[in-house]
Amino acid sequence: MTREEIETKLKDVIVSALDLEDLTAADIETEVPLFGEGLGLDSIDALELGMAVKKAFGVTFASDPAANRQIFYSVKTLADFVEQQNKVDQT
């Protein structure tokens, strides 16, 4: 998968997994924060999104809240994580 394909799929996963009826994948900016003042997601959304990303990409997340906050900061940071996990899986 190319970087652009990963980011697009992540945006699709965000919209579908969280039932964001007012948004499309195209509405989500890659570098805007997903939580707080950005997209406005909350902790329950984080759990649902984590499960959806795991299912869609086959990645696993550590049980380190600080690391996961960095990973889930934006679509860009999530895509970075997916790319990194894919590289690890290929070695």
N, C-alpha and C. Protein backbone atom coordinates (compact mmCIF):
# COMPACT_ATOMS: atom_id res chain seq x y z
N MET A 1 0.84 -1.19 0.00
CA MET A 1 0.00 0.00 0.00
C MET A 1 0.88 1.25 0.00
N THR A 2 0.49 2.22 -0.80
CA THR A 2 1.22 3.48 -0.79
C THR A 2 0.81 4.30 0.43
N ARG A 3 1.59 5.31 0.71
CA ARG A 3 1.28 6.20 1.84
C ARG A 3 -0.09 6.84 1.65
N GLU A 4 -0.38 7.30 0.46
CA GLU A 4 -1.66 7.94 0.18
C GLU A 4 -2.81 6.96 0.38
N GLU A 5 -2.63 5.72 -0.03
CA GLU A 5 -3.68 4.70 0.16
C GLU A 5 -3.92 4.41 1.63
N ILE A 6 -2.84 4.37 2.42
CA ILE A 6 -2.98 4.16 3.86
C ILE A 6 -3.77 5.30 4.49
N GLU A 7 -3.40 6.54 4.16
CA GLU A 7 -4.09 7.70 4.73
C GLU A 7 -5.57 7.72 4.33
N THR A 8 -5.86 7.41 3.07
CA THR A 8 -7.24 7.39 2.61
C THR A 8 -8.03 6.31 3.33
N LYS A 9 -7.44 5.13 3.46
CA LYS A 9 -8.13 4.04 4.15
C LYS A 9 -8.35 4.39 5.62
N LEU A 10 -7.36 5.02 6.25
CA LEU A 10 -7.53 5.44 7.65
C LEU A 10 -8.70 6.41 7.79
N LYS A 11 -8.79 7.36 6.88
CA LYS A 11 -9.90 8.32 6.93
C LYS A 11 -11.23 7.61 6.75
N ASP A 12 -11.28 6.65 5.83
CA ASP A 12 -12.51 5.87 5.63
C ASP A 12 -12.87 5.09 6.90
N VAL A 13 -11.86 4.51 7.53
CA VAL A 13 -12.08 3.75 8.77
C VAL A 13 -12.61 4.67 9.86
N ILE A 14 -12.05 5.86 9.98
CA ILE A 14 -12.50 6.82 10.99
C ILE A 14 -13.98 7.15 10.78
N VAL A 15 -14.35 7.47 9.56
CA VAL A 15 -15.73 7.85 9.27
C VAL A 15 -16.69 6.69 9.52
N SER A 16 -16.33 5.50 9.02
CA SER A 16 -17.25 4.37 9.13
C SER A 16 -17.30 3.79 10.55
N ALA A 17 -16.16 3.64 11.20
CA ALA A 17 -16.13 3.04 12.53
C ALA A 17 -16.81 3.92 13.58
N LEU A 18 -16.73 5.23 13.39
CA LEU A 18 -17.29 6.15 14.38
C LEU A 18 -18.64 6.74 13.94
N ASP A 19 -19.17 6.25 12.83
CA ASP A 19 -20.47 6.73 12.31
C ASP A 19 -20.53 8.25 12.25
N LEU A 20 -19.52 8.86 11.66
CA LEU A 20 -19.46 10.31 11.54
C LEU A 20 -20.30 10.74 10.34
N GLU A 21 -21.59 10.87 10.56
CA GLU A 21 -22.55 11.12 9.49
C GLU A 21 -22.34 12.46 8.78
N ASP A 22 -21.81 13.43 9.49
CA ASP A 22 -21.64 14.77 8.91
C ASP A 22 -20.33 14.93 8.15
N LEU A 23 -19.47 13.90 8.17
CA LEU A 23 -18.16 14.00 7.54
C LEU A 23 -17.96 12.92 6.49
N THR A 24 -17.10 13.24 5.54
CA THR A 24 -16.61 12.24 4.60
C THR A 24 -15.11 12.12 4.82
N ALA A 25 -14.52 11.10 4.25
CA ALA A 25 -13.07 10.94 4.37
C ALA A 25 -12.35 12.17 3.84
N ALA A 26 -12.87 12.76 2.79
CA ALA A 26 -12.24 13.94 2.18
C ALA A 26 -12.26 15.15 3.12
N ASP A 27 -13.18 15.17 4.08
CA ASP A 27 -13.27 16.28 5.02
C ASP A 27 -12.19 16.24 6.10
N ILE A 28 -11.56 15.10 6.29
CA ILE A 28 -10.58 14.93 7.36
C ILE A 28 -9.20 15.31 6.83
N GLU A 29 -8.61 16.30 7.47
CA GLU A 29 -7.27 16.73 7.08
C GLU A 29 -6.23 15.83 7.74
N THR A 30 -5.21 15.49 7.00
CA THR A 30 -4.22 14.51 7.43
C THR A 30 -3.48 14.90 8.70
N GLU A 31 -3.18 16.18 8.86
CA GLU A 31 -2.34 16.60 9.99
C GLU A 31 -3.12 17.27 11.13
N VAL A 32 -4.42 17.33 11.02
CA VAL A 32 -5.24 17.94 12.07
C VAL A 32 -5.41 16.93 13.21
N PRO A 33 -5.32 17.39 14.46
CA PRO A 33 -5.51 16.47 15.59
C PRO A 33 -6.88 15.78 15.51
N LEU A 34 -6.89 14.50 15.89
CA LEU A 34 -8.14 13.75 15.89
C LEU A 34 -8.97 14.04 17.13
N PHE A 35 -8.31 14.42 18.21
CA PHE A 35 -8.99 14.62 19.49
C PHE A 35 -8.94 16.09 19.89
N GLY A 36 -9.80 16.45 20.83
CA GLY A 36 -9.82 17.83 21.32
C GLY A 36 -10.31 18.80 20.26
N GLU A 37 -9.56 19.87 20.06
CA GLU A 37 -9.99 20.94 19.16
C GLU A 37 -9.92 20.57 17.68
N GLY A 38 -9.29 19.46 17.36
CA GLY A 38 -9.21 19.03 15.97
C GLY A 38 -10.54 18.46 15.51
N LEU A 39 -10.55 17.16 15.27
CA LEU A 39 -11.76 16.48 14.82
C LEU A 39 -12.79 16.34 15.94
N GLY A 40 -12.32 16.46 17.18
CA GLY A 40 -13.23 16.45 18.33
C GLY A 40 -13.59 15.07 18.85
N LEU A 41 -12.77 14.06 18.57
CA LEU A 41 -13.05 12.73 19.08
C LEU A 41 -12.79 12.67 20.58
N ASP A 42 -13.38 11.66 21.26
CA ASP A 42 -13.18 11.51 22.70
C ASP A 42 -12.61 10.13 23.01
N SER A 43 -12.50 9.80 24.29
CA SER A 43 -11.84 8.55 24.69
C SER A 43 -12.61 7.31 24.23
N ILE A 44 -13.91 7.37 24.20
CA ILE A 44 -14.69 6.23 23.70
C ILE A 44 -14.43 6.05 22.21
N ASP A 45 -14.36 7.15 21.48
CA ASP A 45 -14.01 7.08 20.06
C ASP A 45 -12.64 6.45 19.88
N ALA A 46 -11.71 6.75 20.78
CA ALA A 46 -10.35 6.21 20.68
C ALA A 46 -10.36 4.69 20.76
N LEU A 47 -11.16 4.15 21.65
CA LEU A 47 -11.26 2.69 21.78
C LEU A 47 -11.83 2.06 20.51
N GLU A 48 -12.91 2.63 20.02
CA GLU A 48 -13.54 2.12 18.81
C GLU A 48 -12.61 2.24 17.61
N LEU A 49 -11.93 3.38 17.52
CA LEU A 49 -11.01 3.60 16.42
C LEU A 49 -9.82 2.63 16.49
N GLY A 50 -9.31 2.41 17.68
CA GLY A 50 -8.21 1.47 17.85
C GLY A 50 -8.57 0.07 17.36
N MET A 51 -9.77 -0.38 17.71
CA MET A 51 -10.21 -1.70 17.26
C MET A 51 -10.39 -1.74 15.74
N ALA A 52 -10.94 -0.68 15.18
CA ALA A 52 -11.17 -0.63 13.74
C ALA A 52 -9.85 -0.59 12.96
N VAL A 53 -8.89 0.17 13.45
CA VAL A 53 -7.58 0.25 12.78
C VAL A 53 -6.87 -1.10 12.88
N LYS A 54 -6.96 -1.72 14.03
CA LYS A 54 -6.36 -3.04 14.21
C LYS A 54 -6.94 -4.04 13.21
N LYS A 55 -8.25 -4.02 13.06
CA LYS A 55 -8.92 -4.94 12.14
C LYS A 55 -8.58 -4.62 10.68
N ALA A 56 -8.56 -3.35 10.33
CA ALA A 56 -8.33 -2.94 8.94
C ALA A 56 -6.89 -3.15 8.48
N PHE A 57 -5.94 -2.98 9.40
CA PHE A 57 -4.53 -3.02 9.01
C PHE A 57 -3.74 -4.16 9.66
N GLY A 58 -4.34 -4.88 10.60
CA GLY A 58 -3.65 -5.98 11.25
C GLY A 58 -2.50 -5.54 12.14
N VAL A 59 -2.59 -4.34 12.69
CA VAL A 59 -1.54 -3.83 13.56
C VAL A 59 -1.93 -4.07 15.02
N THR A 60 -0.95 -4.01 15.90
CA THR A 60 -1.22 -4.12 17.33
C THR A 60 -0.65 -2.91 18.04
N PHE A 61 -1.34 -2.49 19.06
CA PHE A 61 -0.94 -1.33 19.84
C PHE A 61 -0.44 -1.79 21.20
N ALA A 62 0.57 -1.11 21.71
CA ALA A 62 1.10 -1.41 23.05
C ALA A 62 0.11 -0.88 24.08
N SER A 63 0.25 -1.36 25.29
CA SER A 63 -0.61 -0.86 26.36
C SER A 63 0.04 0.32 27.06
N ASP A 64 0.62 1.21 26.27
CA ASP A 64 1.30 2.41 26.77
C ASP A 64 0.47 3.63 26.37
N PRO A 65 -0.29 4.19 27.32
CA PRO A 65 -1.18 5.31 26.99
C PRO A 65 -0.46 6.49 26.35
N ALA A 66 0.74 6.83 26.81
CA ALA A 66 1.47 7.97 26.24
C ALA A 66 1.84 7.70 24.79
N ALA A 67 2.32 6.51 24.50
CA ALA A 67 2.68 6.15 23.12
C ALA A 67 1.44 6.15 22.23
N ASN A 68 0.34 5.62 22.74
CA ASN A 68 -0.89 5.57 21.95
C ASN A 68 -1.45 6.96 21.68
N ARG A 69 -1.29 7.88 22.62
CA ARG A 69 -1.72 9.27 22.39
C ARG A 69 -0.95 9.87 21.22
N GLN A 70 0.34 9.57 21.14
CA GLN A 70 1.15 10.07 20.02
C GLN A 70 0.74 9.41 18.71
N ILE A 71 0.49 8.11 18.75
CA ILE A 71 0.09 7.38 17.54
C ILE A 71 -1.24 7.91 17.00
N PHE A 72 -2.19 8.14 17.88
CA PHE A 72 -3.53 8.56 17.49
C PHE A 72 -3.69 10.07 17.41
N TYR A 73 -2.60 10.81 17.37
CA TYR A 73 -2.68 12.27 17.32
C TYR A 73 -3.40 12.75 16.05
N SER A 74 -3.05 12.18 14.91
CA SER A 74 -3.63 12.61 13.63
C SER A 74 -3.60 11.44 12.65
N VAL A 75 -4.20 11.63 11.50
CA VAL A 75 -4.14 10.61 10.46
C VAL A 75 -2.68 10.39 10.05
N LYS A 76 -1.91 11.46 10.01
CA LYS A 76 -0.50 11.35 9.65
C LYS A 76 0.25 10.44 10.61
N THR A 77 0.07 10.64 11.91
CA THR A 77 0.80 9.83 12.89
C THR A 77 0.30 8.38 12.89
N LEU A 78 -0.97 8.19 12.64
CA LEU A 78 -1.50 6.83 12.50
C LEU A 78 -0.91 6.14 11.28
N ALA A 79 -0.82 6.86 10.17
CA ALA A 79 -0.24 6.30 8.95
C ALA A 79 1.23 5.97 9.17
N ASP A 80 1.95 6.83 9.90
CA ASP A 80 3.35 6.55 10.24
C ASP A 80 3.45 5.22 10.98
N PHE A 81 2.56 5.01 11.95
CA PHE A 81 2.56 3.80 12.74
C PHE A 81 2.25 2.57 11.88
N VAL A 82 1.25 2.68 11.02
CA VAL A 82 0.89 1.56 10.15
C VAL A 82 2.06 1.21 9.23
N GLU A 83 2.69 2.22 8.67
CA GLU A 83 3.85 1.96 7.81
C GLU A 83 4.97 1.27 8.59
N GLN A 84 5.23 1.74 9.79
CA GLN A 84 6.27 1.16 10.63
C GLN A 84 5.94 -0.30 10.96
N GLN A 85 4.71 -0.57 11.32
CA GLN A 85 4.29 -1.94 11.64
C GLN A 85 4.42 -2.85 10.42
N ASN A 86 4.07 -2.33 9.25
CA ASN A 86 4.17 -3.12 8.03
C ASN A 86 5.62 -3.46 7.72
N LYS A 87 6.54 -2.53 7.96
CA LYS A 87 7.96 -2.78 7.74
C LYS A 87 8.48 -3.85 8.69
N VAL A 88 8.03 -3.80 9.94
CA VAL A 88 8.44 -4.78 10.95
C VAL A 88 7.93 -6.16 10.55
N ASP A 89 6.69 -6.23 10.08
CA ASP A 89 6.09 -7.50 9.68
C ASP A 89 6.77 -8.11 8.47
N GLN A 90 7.36 -7.27 7.63
CA GLN A 90 7.98 -7.77 6.40
C GLN A 90 9.40 -8.28 6.63
N THR A 91 9.98 -7.99 7.80
CA THR A 91 11.35 -8.45 8.06
C THR A 91 11.36 -9.81 8.69
